[in-house]
Each structure stands twice: as C-alpha cells, then as structure tokens.
Amino acid sequence: MLREGMNGFCMALADSVPGVSGGTVAFIMGFYDRFIGSVHDLVFGKWEEKKTALLYLVKLGIGWAVGMLLAVVVLSALFENHIYVVSSLFFGFVLGAVPLIAEEEIESLRKKPQGFVFTVAGLAIVIGITVANGKSGAAAMDLARFSVPLAANLFFIGMIAISAMFLPGISGSTLLLIFGAYIPVIMAVKGVLSLDFSYVPCLMFFGCGVLAGAVTVVKAIKVCLEKHRSQTIYLILGMMTGSLYAISMGPTTLETAKAPLNIGNFSLIPAIMGVALVFGMQMIKERSVRHGN
C-alpha cells in the first residue's frame, strides 16, 4: 500500500510541473508496465484481473490524490515563485533518467538498432507540441453555455489530453493549453465546486472524452510494449529527451509568464539533486527486486 501510494504521489507532483507528465515518473520508477497493464485489465481483463487491477489503481490513486492536493494547496506558490529551481530539479531528473532507462532496456534496443528513427519521432512530437503551445492563444470557450459543437470539441480534447497521463514526455496541462481548454476547464471545475451546475453538461462530455481516450491509448500502448517493445522504447526515450525542452519552456506557461529556463537562471545544485534522486529511486527499485517486493 505504502509503495503504490508513494508512486502515485510522485506521479501527481510531476503532473503539476509544467512540461512533465506522470507517465515520465512511472517509467523512471519502474512501474510503467504495471500501471498500463492494470488500466488495461480493468477495462478489458477477466473478473479476477479486474479485481487485482482495481486494487492496485485505488492504492496508486490515493497517493496521486494526496500529491495533487499538496501541489495545489502548498506547492503552487513554490512553482510560481521558484519555478527555475523546480525546473532545474526536474531537468536533472529527466537528464539522469534517460541513459539509465536506455541501459535497462539495452537488450530491447539492440534488437532493432534502426529503431532510432522512433527516437527522432518522439523528440519531434514533444518539441512540436511545446512549440504549438507557445504559439496558441487563449480560447473563448464558455463551458457554462452548452452547445453540441462545443460538447463534441470538448470530447475530442479530453481524448487527446488524457494521453499525457500515459505517455512519458507530454504534459496534460500543455495539451489543454494548446487547445485553449485549460483555463475554461479549471474555471468550470471551480464553478461546480461553488454549486454552479451550469457547467456540468460540458464537463460530462469532457469526462467522457477522457475515459474514451484512456481506453484507446492504454490498449495501443500495451500492444506496442508487448509486440513492438524495441520501437516503443526508442519512441519513449525520444519523448523523454524532448521533455527537457518542454521543461525549459515550462516557466513561459505560468499565469504570469516568465523567461524560459536558460544558462543564466539554471540552478546547478537542484539539477544535481534531480540526477541523484533518479539513482536513489533506482537503488530502491533494485533492492525491492532482490527482496522480491
């Protein structure tokens, strides 16, 4: 329970940082395959598989909820006022993780050395999304006024945005910003919490899109990991490498935009701590494997 909760907690903290996704942390910490497999089994598995998957995801979800609550209540001010320290930390985190994962998956990578083209594709996907985010403007969505075209648009946006939770290197908030839905969705959720139920119909369509996207993406990822693991690992490594650019551009996505992470505002000590954190997690994971946990 404690281990799964901590995994979920770390995923939530990553989700709250501009340019970082929970999928990245899941891959680094070594529970990505189990996470994807559990979501897949919950939807497509047999009854016993569904029960096992549900138990695991509930434990993970509790940790995620606690982490996200902490991020919203406590860490939001830290991200706003010390974004370069946080960005440097995660920059080092990802920088240390990429070669570590490549080493762990070396056998898969050797099987398809030509799969390097997938690394380039993954790199291009994340950088392209980040660049598009920087060029996107604010959308004039009013989720309090329901319409069929708006509902269809929200369903599609929900399907695309949820992919960030499962794909390392892509931030869900970044995708929502690109589509101009980040602020409208946040305002709609706040409105419902304030008992303004005019937002409910649009949020329901957005939620249905999230569910539909989750089922589709997870099925595709599981098939790729089982049947085309080499190419998938190359793609993921490319996306994680691309996330370095996304992290560096993270400060520009804040409500009060700041300059990107650069040599002048980069913090070396937090970056070294990020690298050390990766290797610390690796040691904990190896110890757990040795003891059969």
Protein backbone atom coordinates (compact mmCIF):
# COMPACT_ATOMS: atom_id res chain seq x y z
CA MET A 1 0.00 0.00 0.00
CA LEU A 2 2.75 2.45 1.01
CA ARG A 3 4.83 1.78 -2.10
CA GLU A 4 1.92 2.18 -4.54
CA GLY A 5 0.75 5.29 -2.70
CA MET A 6 4.22 6.84 -2.94
CA ASN A 7 4.34 6.02 -6.67
CA GLY A 8 1.03 7.78 -7.20
CA PHE A 9 2.20 10.70 -5.07
CA CYS A 10 5.28 11.17 -7.26
CA MET A 11 3.17 10.97 -10.43
CA ALA A 12 0.92 13.76 -9.14
CA LEU A 13 3.85 16.01 -8.30
CA ALA A 14 5.18 15.51 -11.83
CA ASP A 15 1.76 16.23 -13.35
CA SER A 16 1.70 19.56 -11.53
CA VAL A 17 5.02 20.72 -13.02
CA PRO A 18 4.95 22.47 -16.43
CA GLY A 19 6.43 20.20 -19.10
CA VAL A 20 6.48 16.98 -17.02
CA SER A 21 3.99 14.09 -17.07
CA GLY A 22 3.12 11.39 -14.58
CA GLY A 23 3.94 8.84 -17.26
CA THR A 24 7.55 10.02 -17.22
CA VAL A 25 7.86 9.36 -13.49
CA ALA A 26 6.11 5.99 -13.80
CA PHE A 27 8.64 4.92 -16.43
CA ILE A 28 11.61 6.19 -14.42
CA MET A 29 10.43 4.49 -11.21
CA GLY A 30 9.89 1.18 -12.99
CA PHE A 31 6.13 0.69 -12.61
CA TYR A 32 5.07 1.95 -16.05
CA ASP A 33 4.31 -1.52 -17.46
CA ARG A 34 2.28 -2.47 -14.38
CA PHE A 35 0.40 0.83 -14.45
CA ILE A 36 -0.53 0.45 -18.12
CA GLY A 37 -1.33 -3.25 -17.65
CA SER A 38 -3.60 -2.53 -14.67
CA VAL A 39 -5.60 0.12 -16.54
CA HIS A 40 -5.86 -2.28 -19.49
CA ASP A 41 -7.01 -5.18 -17.28
CA LEU A 42 -9.56 -3.00 -15.52
CA VAL A 43 -11.25 -2.36 -18.87
CA PHE A 44 -10.52 -5.49 -20.91
CA GLY A 45 -9.47 -8.13 -18.38
CA LYS A 46 -11.33 -11.04 -16.82
CA TRP A 47 -13.09 -10.71 -13.46
CA GLU A 48 -10.07 -11.72 -11.34
CA GLU A 49 -7.79 -9.47 -13.38
CA LYS A 50 -10.23 -6.58 -12.92
CA LYS A 51 -10.21 -7.02 -9.13
CA THR A 52 -6.42 -7.12 -8.94
CA ALA A 53 -6.11 -4.11 -11.26
CA LEU A 54 -8.71 -2.12 -9.33
CA LEU A 55 -6.97 -2.74 -6.00
CA TYR A 56 -3.64 -1.59 -7.42
CA LEU A 57 -5.09 1.50 -9.11
CA VAL A 58 -7.00 2.51 -5.97
CA LYS A 59 -3.75 2.44 -3.97
CA LEU A 60 -2.00 4.39 -6.71
CA GLY A 61 -4.94 6.79 -6.95
CA ILE A 62 -4.94 7.58 -3.23
CA GLY A 63 -1.29 8.61 -3.42
CA TRP A 64 -1.99 10.60 -6.59
CA ALA A 65 -4.89 12.46 -4.94
CA VAL A 66 -2.77 13.33 -1.90
CA GLY A 67 0.09 14.51 -4.11
CA MET A 68 -2.15 16.65 -6.30
CA LEU A 69 -3.86 18.18 -3.27
CA LEU A 70 -0.45 19.04 -1.83
CA ALA A 71 0.62 20.51 -5.16
CA VAL A 72 -2.49 22.68 -5.38
CA VAL A 73 -2.50 23.81 -1.76
CA VAL A 74 1.21 24.07 -0.94
CA LEU A 75 3.45 23.70 -3.97
CA SER A 76 1.66 26.06 -6.36
CA ALA A 77 3.32 29.05 -4.68
CA LEU A 78 6.69 27.28 -4.90
CA PHE A 79 6.25 26.68 -8.63
CA GLU A 80 5.18 30.28 -9.15
CA ASN A 81 7.94 31.91 -7.10
CA HIS A 82 10.79 29.40 -7.58
CA ILE A 83 9.97 27.89 -10.96
CA TYR A 84 13.61 27.88 -12.08
CA VAL A 85 14.68 25.83 -9.07
CA VAL A 86 11.84 23.35 -9.68
CA SER A 87 12.51 23.25 -13.44
CA SER A 88 16.24 22.68 -12.83
CA LEU A 89 15.40 19.83 -10.44
CA PHE A 90 13.22 18.07 -12.99
CA PHE A 91 15.68 18.83 -15.79
CA GLY A 92 18.32 16.92 -13.85
CA PHE A 93 15.75 14.24 -13.02
CA VAL A 94 14.98 13.52 -16.67
CA LEU A 95 18.60 14.00 -17.76
CA GLY A 96 19.68 11.28 -15.35
CA ALA A 97 16.78 9.01 -16.22
CA VAL A 98 17.22 8.77 -20.00
CA PRO A 99 20.61 6.94 -20.00
CA LEU A 100 19.51 4.83 -17.04
CA ILE A 101 16.41 3.59 -18.85
CA ALA A 102 18.39 3.05 -22.06
CA GLU A 103 20.80 0.85 -20.09
CA GLU A 104 17.94 -1.15 -18.54
CA GLU A 105 16.32 -1.69 -21.92
CA ILE A 106 19.59 -2.29 -23.77
CA GLU A 107 18.57 -5.79 -24.93
CA SER A 108 15.34 -4.47 -26.46
CA LEU A 109 17.17 -1.59 -28.12
CA ARG A 110 19.83 -3.88 -29.62
CA LYS A 111 17.18 -5.97 -31.34
CA LYS A 112 16.13 -3.04 -33.52
CA PRO A 113 19.03 -0.56 -33.78
CA GLN A 114 17.30 1.03 -36.76
CA GLY A 115 14.54 1.99 -34.34
CA PHE A 116 16.48 5.17 -33.66
CA VAL A 117 14.12 6.82 -36.13
CA PHE A 118 11.40 6.39 -33.49
CA THR A 119 13.57 8.34 -31.04
CA VAL A 120 13.68 11.20 -33.52
CA ALA A 121 9.89 10.94 -33.94
CA GLY A 122 9.33 11.05 -30.18
CA LEU A 123 11.63 14.04 -29.88
CA ALA A 124 9.77 15.84 -32.68
CA ILE A 125 6.35 15.11 -31.17
CA VAL A 126 7.13 16.65 -27.78
CA ILE A 127 9.04 19.64 -29.15
CA GLY A 128 6.30 20.23 -31.74
CA ILE A 129 3.61 20.20 -29.06
CA THR A 130 5.63 22.55 -26.86
CA VAL A 131 6.20 24.99 -29.74
CA ALA A 132 2.50 24.86 -30.64
CA ASN A 133 1.66 25.61 -27.02
CA GLY A 134 3.83 28.73 -27.15
CA LYS A 135 2.01 29.98 -30.25
CA SER A 136 -1.52 29.18 -29.06
CA GLY A 137 -3.73 31.95 -27.81
CA ALA A 138 -6.46 31.93 -25.19
CA ALA A 139 -9.68 30.34 -26.34
CA ALA A 140 -13.07 31.96 -25.86
CA MET A 141 -14.76 28.82 -24.52
CA ASP A 142 -17.69 29.34 -22.19
CA LEU A 143 -18.45 25.97 -20.63
CA ALA A 144 -21.49 27.40 -18.85
CA ARG A 145 -23.28 27.64 -22.22
CA PHE A 146 -23.83 24.16 -23.62
CA SER A 147 -23.90 23.55 -27.36
CA VAL A 148 -23.45 20.43 -29.47
CA PRO A 149 -20.33 21.71 -31.32
CA LEU A 150 -18.73 22.72 -28.00
CA ALA A 151 -19.57 19.33 -26.46
CA ALA A 152 -18.04 17.48 -29.44
CA ASN A 153 -14.94 19.67 -29.24
CA LEU A 154 -14.55 19.01 -25.51
CA PHE A 155 -14.96 15.26 -26.05
CA PHE A 156 -12.13 15.32 -28.62
CA ILE A 157 -9.91 17.49 -26.39
CA GLY A 158 -10.48 15.13 -23.46
CA MET A 159 -9.44 12.14 -25.59
CA ILE A 160 -6.21 13.82 -26.70
CA ALA A 161 -5.28 15.36 -23.34
CA ILE A 162 -5.56 12.12 -21.33
CA SER A 163 -2.78 10.62 -23.46
CA ALA A 164 -0.36 12.74 -21.41
CA MET A 165 -1.07 10.67 -18.33
CA PHE A 166 0.15 7.54 -20.10
CA LEU A 167 2.83 8.83 -22.48
CA PRO A 168 6.16 9.89 -20.95
CA GLY A 169 7.30 13.32 -22.06
CA ILE A 170 3.96 15.03 -22.69
CA SER A 171 2.26 17.26 -20.14
CA GLY A 172 -1.54 17.13 -19.93
CA SER A 173 -1.75 20.79 -18.98
CA THR A 174 0.33 21.64 -22.04
CA LEU A 175 -2.10 19.83 -24.35
CA LEU A 176 -5.07 21.60 -22.74
CA LEU A 177 -3.31 24.93 -23.18
CA ILE A 178 -2.69 24.19 -26.86
CA PHE A 179 -6.39 23.56 -27.41
CA GLY A 180 -7.31 26.61 -25.34
CA ALA A 181 -9.22 24.50 -22.83
CA TYR A 182 -7.00 24.71 -19.74
CA ILE A 183 -8.45 27.86 -18.17
CA PRO A 184 -12.08 27.10 -19.21
CA VAL A 185 -11.93 23.59 -17.70
CA ILE A 186 -10.32 24.85 -14.48
CA MET A 187 -12.94 27.60 -14.19
CA ALA A 188 -15.71 25.08 -14.86
CA VAL A 189 -14.47 22.76 -12.10
CA LYS A 190 -14.25 25.68 -9.70
CA GLY A 191 -17.76 26.70 -10.74
CA VAL A 192 -19.19 23.27 -9.96
CA LEU A 193 -17.43 23.27 -6.59
CA SER A 194 -19.20 26.59 -5.98
CA LEU A 195 -22.51 24.83 -6.79
CA ASP A 196 -22.90 26.42 -10.22
CA PHE A 197 -24.21 23.38 -12.10
CA SER A 198 -24.49 25.11 -15.47
CA TYR A 199 -21.00 23.75 -16.19
CA VAL A 200 -21.96 20.11 -15.61
CA PRO A 201 -23.12 19.15 -19.15
CA CYS A 202 -19.89 20.35 -20.80
CA LEU A 203 -17.73 18.77 -18.10
CA MET A 204 -19.59 15.47 -18.60
CA PHE A 205 -18.67 15.42 -22.30
CA PHE A 206 -15.07 16.33 -21.43
CA GLY A 207 -15.01 13.49 -18.87
CA CYS A 208 -16.43 11.01 -21.39
CA GLY A 209 -13.70 12.01 -23.81
CA VAL A 210 -11.09 11.40 -21.11
CA LEU A 211 -12.48 7.91 -20.48
CA ALA A 212 -12.67 7.07 -24.18
CA GLY A 213 -9.14 8.33 -24.75
CA ALA A 214 -7.78 6.41 -21.78
CA VAL A 215 -9.21 3.12 -23.03
CA THR A 216 -7.91 3.70 -26.56
CA VAL A 217 -4.43 4.91 -25.61
CA VAL A 218 -3.83 2.23 -22.96
CA LYS A 219 -4.83 -0.55 -25.36
CA ALA A 220 -2.46 0.81 -28.00
CA ILE A 221 0.45 1.23 -25.57
CA LYS A 222 0.04 -2.28 -24.13
CA VAL A 223 0.00 -3.85 -27.60
CA CYS A 224 3.07 -1.83 -28.61
CA LEU A 225 5.01 -2.81 -25.48
CA GLU A 226 4.20 -6.48 -25.99
CA LYS A 227 4.65 -6.77 -29.76
CA HIS A 228 6.92 -3.85 -30.67
CA ARG A 229 8.80 -3.14 -27.45
CA SER A 230 12.04 -2.02 -29.10
CA GLN A 231 10.38 0.62 -31.25
CA THR A 232 8.19 1.73 -28.32
CA ILE A 233 11.19 2.15 -26.01
CA TYR A 234 13.00 4.17 -28.69
CA LEU A 235 9.90 6.37 -29.02
CA ILE A 236 9.57 6.83 -25.25
CA LEU A 237 13.26 7.73 -24.92
CA GLY A 238 12.79 10.33 -27.64
CA MET A 239 9.75 11.77 -25.89
CA MET A 240 11.59 11.90 -22.57
CA THR A 241 14.53 13.66 -24.21
CA GLY A 242 12.08 16.09 -25.80
CA SER A 243 10.61 16.78 -22.38
CA LEU A 244 13.89 18.54 -21.49
CA TYR A 245 12.84 21.24 -23.94
CA ALA A 246 9.30 21.21 -22.55
CA ILE A 247 10.64 21.66 -19.01
CA SER A 248 12.86 24.53 -20.12
CA MET A 249 9.81 26.24 -21.64
CA GLY A 250 7.64 25.49 -18.60
CA PRO A 251 8.09 28.96 -16.99
CA THR A 252 6.52 30.54 -20.08
CA THR A 253 3.25 28.68 -19.40
CA LEU A 254 2.67 30.17 -15.95
CA GLU A 255 -0.22 32.60 -15.42
CA THR A 256 2.41 35.33 -15.26
CA ALA A 257 4.76 34.15 -17.99
CA LYS A 258 8.48 34.13 -17.26
CA ALA A 259 11.57 33.64 -19.39
CA PRO A 260 12.45 30.06 -20.37
CA LEU A 261 14.99 28.10 -18.37
CA ASN A 262 18.45 29.03 -19.63
CA ILE A 263 22.09 29.12 -18.54
CA GLY A 264 21.54 32.37 -16.67
CA ASN A 265 18.67 31.15 -14.44
CA PHE A 266 19.56 27.44 -14.35
CA SER A 267 20.27 26.14 -10.82
CA LEU A 268 23.05 23.56 -10.77
CA ILE A 269 22.54 22.18 -7.25
CA PRO A 270 18.82 21.32 -7.76
CA ALA A 271 19.75 19.71 -11.10
CA ILE A 272 22.37 17.54 -9.39
CA MET A 273 19.77 16.66 -6.76
CA GLY A 274 17.43 15.62 -9.58
CA VAL A 275 20.06 13.27 -11.03
CA ALA A 276 20.79 11.90 -7.55
CA LEU A 277 17.07 11.36 -6.99
CA VAL A 278 16.86 9.18 -10.09
CA PHE A 279 19.73 6.97 -8.98
CA GLY A 280 18.30 6.83 -5.47
CA MET A 281 15.00 5.57 -6.89
CA GLN A 282 16.92 3.06 -8.98
CA MET A 283 18.68 1.71 -5.88
CA ILE A 284 15.39 1.39 -4.04
CA LYS A 285 13.85 -0.40 -7.03
CA GLU A 286 16.78 -2.84 -7.31
CA ARG A 287 16.62 -3.56 -3.59
CA SER A 288 12.90 -4.27 -3.85
CA VAL A 289 13.53 -6.65 -6.77
CA ARG A 290 16.24 -8.50 -4.83
CA HIS A 291 13.92 -8.96 -1.86
CA GLY A 292 11.01 -9.96 -4.08
CA ASN A 293 8.79 -6.98 -3.21
